């Protein structure tokens, strides 16, 4: 007798009858640490490493580029010491501000099982500075076959693919090469969206939720690698950049001769050999290390927090420092480096990480929503896309700085000039106060941002909240539970955002409301003239020569009466040797055409200094 009527039942019966002598085998499809039979093992495509060295009987099947993760049998004695010595020469490939974080990432990656690194290291620089070659050396800590032409992934791949690769490269470096958005605006946005998804996932140590066709959930694929990226551009977004440590590589930074030595043996395989020895050393003390890491990271975070860096940066620096600290302990215990040399190297590492952390301010501050809003609004005014009016709707003081242009009508005795606005009105300047029209100002900033490919990532309500939290709103109306203030401007009552005109200056950070009140009597960011005709800008004193033009602000500057600034080719005349002169080239201005410098074509307000 047989079971059932159909083929399905007969197949089930056949499987059961013929499956009495099955051999059970576990197959692992990821790299990194795995607890097997009560002991920790590090899985690679060639060797499984435990406390006593290579382990047999464990089946590892790595798909795709993860198959190149291959560590040799752990070296011992002088072979291990030689590998450690070669690894330390990686520091000589470029300045410490570049190589210390890079090497720290390679040393930190095997600790992901114990404590997620929660960071992405981003190597940024123009084409031709050997970013990819340098990053490939770091990737070879987990397999000697990796090189510039054989990288695990590139940013041209789909986000789903990158998530899967980051999941498979468990406890290893994952190099995602060549972030260089190009093509149509849609293509550029896709690049940035992919980077946002992958880097945010790595920073949060969380994968994207998924569902089966029947509505049940699928296992998430959280990134388990420490991501190392290269690119000519840096992904946009304040929160994304806070999750990255950006390392800038400039022309001449990389020593090409020393770098070429890592393309041939023994330097090519030495990083993987040293990593194999490091893994074996870790395997016997993994649980003890797991218990120590939280306290060590907390201590290091506190050290870096007092170094004048961005609030999130200390976590990134402490994570890399942990990798360095533990690896130096391994190098000392195995005889690869002396205790004295290790302590000197640690001081070098510590100082370099602090320097790298301080350099993050340029990347993070520029993407902060409040600062980004003012930068975009300044650009909109400078590019004739918006203007600021006076309290009655007419031209304000120093109209050229606020989006107005002078127009000439008539000829001869009937010659007259008139100021006319350009673009949309985004606010009103009333002496030392700037009242922004919320909708118009936000829209103007977004328009210029779309043109530049860097729009604001927050909605208006959130933006005004960020301005308030940063102390950039001079006044608010708490009684109405709103951050806008009512003001009669241009003949009608309006809800406005009240800020200091100084907020639109590109030369100084937007000052807080308290600072603005304390400095109301000071020049906003313009300058005055001294007796010898020099023109003074904030924090510098420049002569009015053509060579000084590149050092002068190019976005709108504001000034109260008798103080001057410039915007693009619009400027304000200054007194030189008792005569009206151009503020740019100091050429004399004709009495009947003082608003135009014929020497350099700079337009002036027509007011005497």
Protein backbone atom coordinates (compact mmCIF):
# COMPACT_ATOMS: atom_id res chain seq x y z
CA UNK A 1 0.00 0.00 0.00
CA UNK A 2 1.08 3.55 -0.65
CA UNK A 3 0.04 6.79 0.94
CA UNK A 4 -2.50 9.04 -0.75
CA UNK A 5 -3.60 9.37 -4.36
CA UNK A 6 -1.47 12.10 -5.92
CA UNK A 7 2.18 12.72 -6.74
CA UNK A 8 2.68 14.99 -3.74
CA UNK A 9 1.78 12.24 -1.28
CA UNK A 10 3.89 9.67 -3.12
CA UNK A 11 6.89 12.04 -3.13
CA UNK A 12 6.55 12.61 0.61
CA UNK A 13 6.41 8.88 1.23
CA UNK A 14 9.46 8.24 -0.93
CA UNK A 15 11.50 10.90 0.88
CA UNK A 16 10.61 9.43 4.25
CA UNK A 17 11.43 5.87 3.19
CA UNK A 18 14.79 6.76 1.68
CA UNK A 19 15.95 9.21 4.36
CA UNK A 20 16.93 6.83 7.12
CA UNK A 21 20.70 7.32 6.75
CA UNK A 22 20.92 11.10 6.35
CA UNK A 23 24.13 12.94 7.17
CA UNK A 24 23.50 16.25 8.96
CA UNK A 25 25.87 19.07 8.08
CA UNK A 26 25.86 22.73 9.06
CA UNK A 27 26.89 25.17 6.35
CA UNK A 28 27.65 28.81 7.14
CA UNK A 29 27.18 31.50 4.51
CA UNK A 30 28.79 34.47 6.25
CA UNK A 31 32.24 35.47 7.41
CA UNK A 32 33.18 36.50 10.93
CA UNK A 33 32.63 35.15 14.40
CA UNK A 34 30.34 32.23 15.15
CA UNK A 35 29.98 30.19 18.33
CA UNK A 36 30.21 26.51 17.34
CA UNK A 37 30.00 23.71 19.90
CA UNK A 38 30.60 26.17 22.72
CA UNK A 39 33.73 27.74 21.22
CA UNK A 40 34.20 30.88 19.16
CA UNK A 41 35.37 30.46 15.57
CA UNK A 42 36.16 33.07 12.93
CA UNK A 43 34.86 31.97 9.52
CA UNK A 44 36.54 32.76 6.21
CA UNK A 45 36.41 31.22 2.75
CA UNK A 46 39.67 29.33 3.26
CA UNK A 47 40.35 28.91 6.97
CA UNK A 48 38.26 28.70 10.11
CA UNK A 49 40.28 30.08 13.03
CA UNK A 50 39.87 29.25 16.71
CA UNK A 51 41.97 29.69 19.86
CA UNK A 52 44.31 26.89 18.82
CA UNK A 53 44.61 27.87 15.18
CA UNK A 54 42.88 26.34 12.13
CA UNK A 55 39.70 24.36 12.80
CA UNK A 56 38.59 21.49 10.54
CA UNK A 57 35.12 20.09 9.96
CA UNK A 58 33.34 23.44 9.58
CA UNK A 59 31.72 24.07 6.20
CA UNK A 60 31.75 27.70 5.02
CA UNK A 61 30.17 28.70 1.70
CA UNK A 62 30.59 32.39 0.94
CA UNK A 63 28.77 33.73 -2.10
CA UNK A 64 29.73 36.58 -4.40
CA UNK A 65 32.49 38.93 -3.40
CA UNK A 66 32.42 37.58 0.16
CA UNK A 67 34.16 34.52 -1.27
CA UNK A 68 37.35 36.58 -1.42
CA UNK A 69 37.45 36.86 2.37
CA UNK A 70 40.32 34.47 2.94
CA UNK A 71 42.76 34.38 5.84
CA UNK A 72 45.79 32.07 5.94
CA UNK A 73 46.71 29.82 8.83
CA UNK A 74 47.74 32.07 11.73
CA UNK A 75 51.51 32.64 11.72
CA UNK A 76 53.55 32.31 14.89
CA UNK A 77 56.85 33.53 16.28
CA UNK A 78 59.06 35.54 13.96
CA UNK A 79 56.63 35.15 11.04
CA UNK A 80 53.89 36.88 13.04
CA UNK A 81 56.29 39.56 14.26
CA UNK A 82 57.38 40.26 10.67
CA UNK A 83 53.74 40.60 9.58
CA UNK A 84 53.05 43.04 12.43
CA UNK A 85 56.08 45.10 11.43
CA UNK A 86 54.82 45.36 7.84
CA UNK A 87 51.32 46.32 9.03
CA UNK A 88 52.75 49.28 10.94
CA UNK A 89 54.35 50.60 7.74
CA UNK A 90 50.82 51.30 6.48
CA UNK A 91 51.05 54.41 8.64
CA UNK A 92 53.79 55.71 6.34
CA UNK A 93 51.66 55.57 3.18
CA UNK A 94 50.07 58.97 3.90
CA UNK A 95 49.82 61.56 6.71
CA UNK A 96 48.64 60.27 10.08
CA UNK A 97 45.31 62.12 9.72
CA UNK A 98 44.62 59.68 6.86
CA UNK A 99 46.32 56.42 7.83
CA UNK A 100 45.56 56.31 11.55
CA UNK A 101 41.75 56.21 11.08
CA UNK A 102 42.11 53.85 8.09
CA UNK A 103 44.27 51.33 9.90
CA UNK A 104 42.10 51.74 12.98
CA UNK A 105 39.07 50.64 10.95
CA UNK A 106 40.84 47.42 9.90
CA UNK A 107 41.76 46.70 13.52
CA UNK A 108 38.26 47.55 14.80
CA UNK A 109 36.28 45.44 12.32
CA UNK A 110 36.86 42.03 14.04
CA UNK A 111 35.30 43.47 17.22
CA UNK A 112 31.89 44.05 15.62
CA UNK A 113 30.56 40.84 17.18
CA UNK A 114 31.33 42.28 20.61
CA UNK A 115 30.18 45.86 20.02
CA UNK A 116 28.91 47.30 16.76
CA UNK A 117 31.23 50.00 15.40
CA UNK A 118 28.24 52.16 14.36
CA UNK A 119 30.33 54.15 11.91
CA UNK A 120 31.30 54.46 8.27
CA UNK A 121 34.78 55.63 7.33
CA UNK A 122 34.64 57.77 4.20
CA UNK A 123 37.78 58.48 2.17
CA UNK A 124 37.07 61.63 0.16
CA UNK A 125 39.16 63.33 -2.49
CA UNK A 126 39.46 64.18 -6.18
CA UNK A 127 40.25 61.65 -8.86
CA UNK A 128 43.89 60.62 -9.10
CA UNK A 129 44.88 60.84 -5.42
CA UNK A 130 45.02 57.02 -5.02
CA UNK A 131 41.99 56.73 -2.73
CA UNK A 132 40.92 53.34 -4.09
CA UNK A 133 44.44 51.90 -3.98
CA UNK A 134 44.85 53.02 -0.37
CA UNK A 135 41.45 51.63 0.60
CA UNK A 136 42.28 48.33 -1.15
CA UNK A 137 45.30 47.91 1.14
CA UNK A 138 42.92 48.12 4.12
CA UNK A 139 40.52 45.63 2.49
CA UNK A 140 43.44 43.17 2.08
CA UNK A 141 43.52 42.76 5.85
CA UNK A 142 40.73 40.25 5.14
CA UNK A 143 41.96 38.66 1.92
CA UNK A 144 45.08 39.14 -0.24
CA UNK A 145 43.16 38.92 -3.53
CA UNK A 146 41.41 42.27 -3.02
CA UNK A 147 42.77 45.20 -5.01
CA UNK A 148 41.60 48.31 -6.85
CA UNK A 149 40.09 46.21 -9.64
CA UNK A 150 38.61 43.61 -7.29
CA UNK A 151 36.66 45.51 -4.66
CA UNK A 152 33.69 44.00 -2.79
CA UNK A 153 31.18 46.60 -4.01
CA UNK A 154 30.70 49.99 -5.64
CA UNK A 155 28.07 52.66 -5.08
CA UNK A 156 26.67 52.01 -8.55
CA UNK A 157 25.06 48.84 -7.14
CA UNK A 158 21.46 48.66 -5.95
CA UNK A 159 20.74 49.34 -2.29
CA UNK A 160 19.37 45.81 -1.73
CA UNK A 161 22.61 44.32 -3.03
CA UNK A 162 24.76 46.52 -0.80
CA UNK A 163 22.66 45.61 2.24
CA UNK A 164 23.16 41.92 1.52
CA UNK A 165 26.92 42.29 1.06
CA UNK A 166 27.19 44.32 4.28
CA UNK A 167 25.34 41.49 6.03
CA UNK A 168 27.66 38.78 4.63
CA UNK A 169 30.90 40.65 5.43
CA UNK A 170 30.38 40.04 9.13
CA UNK A 171 33.17 41.33 11.39
CA UNK A 172 35.25 42.46 8.41
CA UNK A 173 35.97 45.59 6.42
CA UNK A 174 33.60 46.18 3.49
CA UNK A 175 34.96 48.56 0.87
CA UNK A 176 32.24 50.29 -1.18
CA UNK A 177 34.15 52.19 -3.82
CA UNK A 178 33.61 55.26 -5.98
CA UNK A 179 30.83 57.47 -4.63
CA UNK A 180 30.69 59.91 -7.55
CA UNK A 181 27.06 60.80 -8.37
CA UNK A 182 26.64 61.61 -12.05
CA UNK A 183 24.01 61.57 -14.76
CA UNK A 184 20.52 63.01 -14.55
CA UNK A 185 19.21 64.68 -11.38
CA UNK A 186 17.25 61.48 -10.75
CA UNK A 187 20.47 59.43 -10.97
CA UNK A 188 22.20 61.77 -8.53
CA UNK A 189 19.31 61.53 -6.07
CA UNK A 190 19.40 57.73 -6.32
CA UNK A 191 23.09 57.71 -5.41
CA UNK A 192 22.44 59.81 -2.33
CA UNK A 193 19.34 57.80 -1.38
CA UNK A 194 21.33 54.56 -1.60
CA UNK A 195 24.11 56.02 0.55
CA UNK A 196 21.56 57.28 3.06
CA UNK A 197 19.99 53.84 3.37
CA UNK A 198 23.25 51.90 3.69
CA UNK A 199 25.13 54.32 5.94
CA UNK A 200 22.11 54.96 8.17
CA UNK A 201 21.66 51.20 8.54
CA UNK A 202 25.31 50.78 9.49
CA UNK A 203 25.12 53.67 11.96
CA UNK A 204 21.98 52.25 13.58
CA UNK A 205 23.13 48.61 13.34
CA UNK A 206 19.68 47.81 11.98
CA UNK A 207 18.40 46.32 8.75
CA UNK A 208 15.37 47.24 6.70
CA UNK A 209 12.19 45.40 7.71
CA UNK A 210 10.87 42.96 5.10
CA UNK A 211 7.75 40.84 4.57
CA UNK A 212 6.90 37.63 2.75
CA UNK A 213 4.20 37.50 0.09
CA UNK A 214 1.85 35.91 2.65
CA UNK A 215 2.28 38.81 5.07
CA UNK A 216 4.69 37.15 7.47
CA UNK A 217 7.93 38.89 8.32
CA UNK A 218 11.28 37.99 6.83
CA UNK A 219 14.55 38.16 8.77
CA UNK A 220 16.17 41.58 8.52
CA UNK A 221 19.67 41.96 7.12
CA UNK A 222 21.45 44.42 9.42
CA UNK A 223 24.89 45.56 8.25
CA UNK A 224 27.48 43.53 10.14
CA UNK A 225 30.57 44.90 8.40
CA UNK A 226 32.55 48.03 9.13
CA UNK A 227 31.98 50.03 5.95
CA UNK A 228 34.88 51.83 4.29
CA UNK A 229 33.89 54.05 1.39
CA UNK A 230 35.73 56.15 -1.17
CA UNK A 231 34.33 58.96 -3.26
CA UNK A 232 34.90 62.25 -5.01
CA UNK A 233 31.78 63.60 -3.31
CA UNK A 234 30.39 63.07 0.19
CA UNK A 235 26.78 61.94 0.83
CA UNK A 236 24.51 64.80 1.85
CA UNK A 237 22.44 65.06 4.99
CA UNK A 238 23.33 66.24 8.48
CA UNK A 239 22.36 63.01 10.25
CA UNK A 240 24.18 60.87 7.67
CA UNK A 241 27.40 62.82 7.99
CA UNK A 242 27.16 62.54 11.75
CA UNK A 243 27.42 58.76 11.28
CA UNK A 244 30.54 59.04 9.13
CA UNK A 245 34.14 59.89 9.81
CA UNK A 246 35.23 61.70 6.65
CA UNK A 247 38.94 61.55 5.87
CA UNK A 248 40.09 63.99 3.18
CA UNK A 249 42.85 62.84 0.84
CA UNK A 250 44.59 65.61 -1.04
CA UNK A 251 47.01 65.55 -3.93
CA UNK A 252 50.46 64.54 -2.77
CA UNK A 253 49.22 62.92 0.45
CA UNK A 254 49.84 59.32 -0.69
CA UNK A 255 53.42 58.11 -1.08
CA UNK A 256 53.19 56.26 -4.40
CA UNK A 257 56.51 54.45 -4.02
CA UNK A 258 55.62 53.02 -0.61
CA UNK A 259 52.11 52.22 -1.78
CA UNK A 260 53.50 50.18 -4.69
CA UNK A 261 55.32 47.90 -2.22
CA UNK A 262 51.95 46.65 -0.99
CA UNK A 263 51.17 45.35 -4.48
CA UNK A 264 53.87 42.66 -4.24
CA UNK A 265 54.95 40.08 -1.70
CA UNK A 266 55.58 39.92 1.17
CA UNK A 267 53.71 43.19 1.82
CA UNK A 268 50.63 42.15 -0.16
CA UNK A 269 49.81 39.16 2.05
CA UNK A 270 51.19 40.51 5.33
CA UNK A 271 47.99 42.35 6.40
CA UNK A 272 45.90 39.16 6.09
CA UNK A 273 48.57 37.14 7.93
CA UNK A 274 48.67 39.65 10.78
CA UNK A 275 44.86 39.62 10.95
CA UNK A 276 44.87 35.81 11.18
CA UNK A 277 47.25 36.01 14.14
CA UNK A 278 45.12 38.73 15.72
CA UNK A 279 41.95 36.63 15.28
CA UNK A 280 43.56 33.61 16.95
CA UNK A 281 44.67 35.78 19.87
CA UNK A 282 41.16 37.24 20.21
CA UNK A 283 39.40 33.86 20.04
CA UNK A 284 40.71 32.75 23.43
CA UNK A 285 39.61 35.95 25.20
CA UNK A 286 36.50 37.00 23.29
CA UNK A 287 34.07 36.85 26.22
CA UNK A 288 36.46 38.65 28.55
CA UNK A 289 36.95 41.34 25.92
CA UNK A 290 33.18 41.67 25.48
CA UNK A 291 32.86 42.50 29.18
CA UNK A 292 35.64 45.11 29.04
CA UNK A 293 34.63 47.01 25.90
CA UNK A 294 31.69 49.10 27.24
CA UNK A 295 33.78 50.59 30.06
CA UNK A 296 36.75 51.22 27.78
CA UNK A 297 34.61 52.88 25.12
CA UNK A 298 32.88 55.07 27.68
CA UNK A 299 36.24 56.23 29.03
CA UNK A 300 37.60 56.98 25.57
CA UNK A 301 34.41 58.76 24.54
CA UNK A 302 34.81 61.11 27.50
CA UNK A 303 38.41 61.84 26.48
CA UNK A 304 37.46 62.73 22.92
CA UNK A 305 34.37 64.70 23.99
CA UNK A 306 36.59 67.35 25.52
CA UNK A 307 38.61 67.81 22.34
CA UNK A 308 36.35 70.40 20.69
CA UNK A 309 34.66 68.02 18.25
CA UNK A 310 31.05 67.53 17.07
CA UNK A 311 28.82 65.89 19.75
CA UNK A 312 28.49 62.60 17.86
CA UNK A 313 32.11 62.41 16.76
CA UNK A 314 33.51 61.17 20.14
CA UNK A 315 31.64 57.87 19.66
CA UNK A 316 33.23 57.39 16.24
CA UNK A 317 36.71 58.21 17.51
CA UNK A 318 36.34 56.02 20.60
CA UNK A 319 35.27 53.10 18.41
CA UNK A 320 38.41 53.37 16.27
CA UNK A 321 40.58 53.91 19.35
CA UNK A 322 39.25 50.66 20.82
CA UNK A 323 40.51 48.76 17.80
CA UNK A 324 43.92 50.36 18.08
CA UNK A 325 44.19 49.82 21.85
CA UNK A 326 43.36 46.12 21.70
CA UNK A 327 45.57 45.47 18.67
CA UNK A 328 48.56 47.16 20.34
CA UNK A 329 48.04 44.90 23.33
CA UNK A 330 48.10 41.90 20.97
CA UNK A 331 51.26 43.20 19.27
CA UNK A 332 53.05 43.61 22.61
CA UNK A 333 52.03 40.18 23.93
CA UNK A 334 53.17 38.43 20.75
CA UNK A 335 56.50 40.27 20.63
CA UNK A 336 55.70 42.31 17.54
CA UNK A 337 56.38 45.63 19.30
CA UNK A 338 57.89 46.73 22.60
CA UNK A 339 55.87 48.24 25.41
CA UNK A 340 57.68 51.56 25.02
CA UNK A 341 57.05 51.67 21.28
CA UNK A 342 53.41 50.73 21.82
CA UNK A 343 52.91 53.61 24.26
CA UNK A 344 54.56 56.08 21.88
CA UNK A 345 52.43 54.81 19.02
CA UNK A 346 49.28 55.11 21.14
CA UNK A 347 50.06 58.77 21.83
CA UNK A 348 50.51 59.29 18.09
CA UNK A 349 47.22 57.53 17.37
CA UNK A 350 45.35 59.47 20.04
CA UNK A 351 46.57 62.83 18.74
CA UNK A 352 45.77 61.90 15.13
CA UNK A 353 42.23 60.80 15.99
CA UNK A 354 41.59 64.09 17.79
CA UNK A 355 42.84 65.98 14.74
CA UNK A 356 40.63 63.86 12.46
CA UNK A 357 37.66 64.55 14.70
CA UNK A 358 38.15 68.30 14.61
CA UNK A 359 38.22 68.19 10.82
CA UNK A 360 34.69 66.79 10.81
CA UNK A 361 33.25 70.22 11.64
CA UNK A 362 33.50 71.39 8.03
CA UNK A 363 31.56 68.36 6.79
CA UNK A 364 28.95 68.31 9.54
CA UNK A 365 28.28 72.01 10.15
CA UNK A 366 27.65 72.71 6.46
CA UNK A 367 24.82 70.16 6.46
CA UNK A 368 23.22 71.33 9.70
CA UNK A 369 19.68 72.45 8.70
CA UNK A 370 19.80 75.91 10.29
CA UNK A 371 23.16 76.83 8.77
CA UNK A 372 22.19 75.25 5.46
CA UNK A 373 18.99 77.34 5.34
CA UNK A 374 20.86 80.60 5.78
CA UNK A 375 23.50 79.59 3.22
CA UNK A 376 20.83 78.76 0.64
CA UNK A 377 18.86 81.94 1.35
CA UNK A 378 22.04 84.01 0.97
CA UNK A 379 22.71 82.30 -2.35
CA UNK A 380 19.15 83.00 -3.50
CA UNK A 381 19.58 86.71 -2.76
CA UNK A 382 22.99 86.81 -4.44
CA UNK A 383 21.68 85.10 -7.58
CA UNK A 384 18.73 87.47 -8.07
CA UNK A 385 16.24 84.87 -6.94
CA UNK A 386 15.04 86.77 -3.87
CA UNK A 387 15.27 90.14 -2.15
CA UNK A 388 14.74 91.76 1.23
CA UNK A 389 12.76 95.00 1.46
CA UNK A 390 12.69 97.82 3.95
CA UNK A 391 9.94 97.96 6.59
CA UNK A 392 7.69 99.98 4.27
CA UNK A 393 8.32 97.70 1.30
CA UNK A 394 10.82 100.01 -0.35
CA UNK A 395 14.57 99.48 -0.71
CA UNK A 396 16.39 98.89 2.60
CA UNK A 397 19.68 100.35 3.75
CA UNK A 398 22.46 99.07 1.45
CA UNK A 399 19.95 97.77 -1.13
CA UNK A 400 22.57 96.12 -3.35
CA UNK A 401 23.37 93.72 -0.53
CA UNK A 402 19.74 92.64 -0.29
CA UNK A 403 18.86 91.72 -3.86
CA UNK A 404 18.15 95.14 -5.37
CA UNK A 405 19.70 96.51 -8.55
CA UNK A 406 20.06 100.09 -9.73
CA UNK A 407 18.38 101.02 -13.01
CA UNK A 408 19.14 104.13 -15.06
CA UNK A 409 16.42 106.03 -16.91
CA UNK A 410 16.61 108.98 -19.27
CA UNK A 411 19.61 110.84 -20.61
CA UNK A 412 21.38 114.12 -20.05
CA UNK A 413 19.60 116.43 -17.64
CA UNK A 414 16.80 113.86 -17.31
CA UNK A 415 19.12 111.09 -16.16
CA UNK A 416 17.83 109.41 -13.02
CA UNK A 417 18.48 106.17 -11.17
CA UNK A 418 16.09 103.92 -9.31
CA UNK A 419 16.49 100.79 -7.16
CA UNK A 420 14.43 97.80 -8.27
CA UNK A 421 14.10 94.40 -6.53
CA UNK A 422 15.00 91.08 -8.12
CA UNK A 423 13.07 87.86 -7.49
CA UNK A 424 10.56 87.29 -4.69
CA UNK A 425 10.38 89.18 -1.42
CA UNK A 426 11.58 86.91 1.42
CA UNK A 427 11.66 89.40 4.29
CA UNK A 428 12.00 92.93 5.61
CA UNK A 429 15.02 94.66 7.13
CA UNK A 430 14.20 97.10 9.93
CA UNK A 431 17.48 98.59 11.14
CA UNK A 432 19.09 95.78 13.17
CA UNK A 433 16.27 93.26 12.73
CA UNK A 434 15.49 90.92 9.86
CA UNK A 435 11.93 89.60 9.60
CA UNK A 436 11.64 86.65 7.22
CA UNK A 437 8.40 85.67 5.51
CA UNK A 438 8.36 81.95 6.47
CA UNK A 439 6.83 80.45 3.34
CA UNK A 440 8.67 82.65 0.85
CA UNK A 441 12.05 82.31 2.57
CA UNK A 442 11.76 78.52 2.82
CA UNK A 443 10.65 78.24 -0.83
CA UNK A 444 13.52 80.45 -2.04
CA UNK A 445 16.04 78.33 -0.14
CA UNK A 446 14.55 75.12 -1.54
CA UNK A 447 14.60 76.43 -5.12
CA UNK A 448 18.28 77.30 -5.01
CA UNK A 449 18.92 74.01 -3.21
CA UNK A 450 17.23 72.04 -5.98
CA UNK A 451 19.42 73.80 -8.52
CA UNK A 452 22.53 72.88 -6.52
CA UNK A 453 21.26 69.38 -5.71
CA UNK A 454 21.27 70.00 -1.93
CA UNK A 455 17.76 70.77 -0.73
CA UNK A 456 16.76 71.15 2.89
CA UNK A 457 15.95 67.78 4.43
CA UNK A 458 13.49 69.17 7.01
CA UNK A 459 10.04 70.73 6.75
CA UNK A 460 9.43 74.41 7.67
CA UNK A 461 8.03 73.67 11.13
CA UNK A 462 11.05 71.54 11.99
CA UNK A 463 13.42 74.14 10.54
CA UNK A 464 12.03 76.94 12.72
CA UNK A 465 12.36 74.64 15.71
CA UNK A 466 16.02 74.01 14.83
CA UNK A 467 16.62 77.75 14.56
CA UNK A 468 15.04 78.26 17.97
CA UNK A 469 17.06 75.43 19.54
CA UNK A 470 20.24 76.99 18.14
CA UNK A 471 19.34 80.35 19.70
CA UNK A 472 19.03 82.04 16.30
CA UNK A 473 15.52 83.45 16.75
CA UNK A 474 15.75 86.89 18.34
CA UNK A 475 12.16 86.81 19.57
CA UNK A 476 9.21 84.40 19.56
CA UNK A 477 5.65 84.59 20.83
CA UNK A 478 5.40 81.87 23.46
CA UNK A 479 1.95 83.09 24.48
CA UNK A 480 0.64 81.96 21.08
CA UNK A 481 2.74 78.78 21.20
CA UNK A 482 4.45 79.75 17.97
CA UNK A 483 7.95 80.63 16.85
CA UNK A 484 6.72 83.39 14.56
CA UNK A 485 6.23 87.00 15.65
CA UNK A 486 3.59 89.43 14.39
CA UNK A 487 4.88 92.63 12.88
CA UNK A 488 3.33 95.35 10.71
CA UNK A 489 5.46 95.43 7.58
CA UNK A 490 4.76 96.90 4.13
CA UNK A 491 1.36 98.09 5.31
CA UNK A 492 -0.04 94.91 6.85
CA UNK A 493 0.37 92.64 9.86
CA UNK A 494 2.44 89.56 9.11
CA UNK A 495 3.65 86.42 10.88
CA UNK A 496 7.44 86.44 10.52
CA UNK A 497 10.60 84.67 11.62
CA UNK A 498 12.70 87.19 13.55
CA UNK A 499 16.46 86.75 13.11
CA UNK A 500 19.59 88.87 13.02
CA UNK A 501 20.78 90.12 9.61
CA UNK A 502 24.16 88.70 10.61
CA UNK A 503 22.69 85.21 10.16
CA UNK A 504 22.97 85.59 6.40
CA UNK A 505 26.67 86.37 6.55
CA UNK A 506 28.95 83.68 5.11
CA UNK A 507 32.00 84.82 7.04
CA UNK A 508 30.80 84.13 10.57
CA UNK A 509 28.62 81.40 12.05
CA UNK A 510 25.05 82.49 12.67
CA UNK A 511 25.15 84.16 16.03
CA UNK A 512 22.76 83.35 18.82
CA UNK A 513 20.01 85.72 19.86
CA UNK A 514 21.87 86.68 23.02
CA UNK A 515 25.05 87.49 21.12
CA UNK A 516 23.07 89.52 18.59
CA UNK A 517 21.56 91.66 21.33
CA UNK A 518 24.96 92.24 22.89
CA UNK A 519 26.48 93.43 19.60
CA UNK A 520 23.72 95.61 18.17
CA UNK A 521 26.03 98.64 18.07
CA UNK A 522 28.77 96.81 16.15
CA UNK A 523 29.10 96.60 12.36
CA UNK A 524 27.25 93.54 11.11
CA UNK A 525 30.01 92.21 8.94
CA UNK A 526 30.90 95.11 6.82
CA UNK A 527 33.83 97.34 7.37
CA UNK A 528 34.88 100.91 7.64
CA UNK A 529 37.61 102.87 6.00
CA UNK A 530 40.68 104.10 7.71
CA UNK A 531 42.80 107.08 6.88
CA UNK A 532 44.97 105.39 4.28
CA UNK A 533 42.09 104.03 2.21
CA UNK A 534 42.23 100.41 3.37
CA UNK A 535 38.95 98.53 3.61
CA UNK A 536 38.48 96.35 6.71
CA UNK A 537 36.48 93.14 6.71
CA UNK A 538 35.66 90.90 9.67
CA UNK A 539 38.83 89.51 11.29
CA UNK A 540 41.07 90.85 8.53
CA UNK A 541 42.29 94.10 7.01
CA UNK A 542 42.71 94.07 3.26
CA UNK A 543 43.86 96.64 0.79
CA UNK A 544 41.47 97.33 -2.02
CA UNK A 545 43.42 95.58 -4.76
CA UNK A 546 42.25 93.06 -7.33
CA UNK A 547 44.37 90.32 -5.75
CA UNK A 548 42.36 90.68 -2.54
CA UNK A 549 39.04 89.93 -4.24
CA UNK A 550 39.21 86.18 -3.60
CA UNK A 551 39.45 86.81 0.14
CA UNK A 552 36.35 88.95 0.32
CA UNK A 553 32.85 87.66 1.02
CA UNK A 554 30.82 86.95 -2.10
CA UNK A 555 27.37 86.50 -0.54
CA UNK A 556 25.09 89.24 0.83
CA UNK A 557 26.49 91.33 3.62
CA UNK A 558 24.48 93.84 5.58
CA UNK A 559 25.39 97.13 7.13
CA UNK A 560 23.80 99.83 9.17
CA UNK A 561 24.13 103.42 7.98
CA UNK A 562 27.70 104.42 7.32
CA UNK A 563 29.02 100.82 7.24
CA UNK A 564 29.61 98.99 4.03
CA UNK A 565 29.75 95.56 2.38
CA UNK A 566 29.39 93.98 -1.06
CA UNK A 567 27.54 91.33 -3.02
CA UNK A 568 29.00 89.92 -6.22
CA UNK A 569 29.84 92.88 -8.43
CA UNK A 570 27.76 95.27 -6.33
CA UNK A 571 29.72 97.38 -3.87
CA UNK A 572 29.81 100.58 -1.86
CA UNK A 573 32.06 103.54 -2.48
CA UNK A 574 34.72 104.46 0.04
CA UNK A 575 36.69 107.63 0.64
CA UNK A 576 40.31 107.53 -0.53
CA UNK A 577 42.56 110.57 -0.26
CA UNK A 578 39.48 112.77 0.24
CA UNK A 579 37.69 111.65 -2.96
CA UNK A 580 34.99 109.10 -3.67
CA UNK A 581 36.65 105.85 -4.75
CA UNK A 582 35.59 102.33 -5.70
CA UNK A 583 35.72 99.87 -2.78
CA UNK A 584 37.05 97.15 -5.09
CA UNK A 585 39.86 98.75 -7.09
CA UNK A 586 40.03 102.18 -5.39
CA UNK A 587 39.72 103.91 -8.75
CA UNK A 588 38.25 107.48 -8.56
CA UNK A 589 34.51 107.67 -9.20
CA UNK A 590 33.23 110.42 -11.55
CA UNK A 591 30.99 112.87 -9.66
CA UNK A 592 28.12 112.40 -12.13
CA UNK A 593 28.37 108.57 -12.26
CA UNK A 594 29.39 107.60 -8.73
CA UNK A 595 27.20 104.47 -8.76
CA UNK A 596 29.34 102.81 -11.46
CA UNK A 597 33.11 102.20 -11.48
CA UNK A 598 34.26 102.31 -15.09
CA UNK A 599 37.54 100.58 -14.18
CA UNK A 600 36.08 97.33 -12.81
CA UNK A 601 32.32 97.70 -13.52
CA UNK A 602 31.38 97.51 -9.85
CA UNK A 603 28.00 99.04 -9.02
CA UNK A 604 27.76 101.27 -5.94
CA UNK A 605 25.01 102.52 -3.70
CA UNK A 606 25.79 106.12 -4.55
CA UNK A 607 26.18 107.09 -0.87
CA UNK A 608 29.37 108.74 0.27
CA UNK A 609 31.37 107.09 2.97
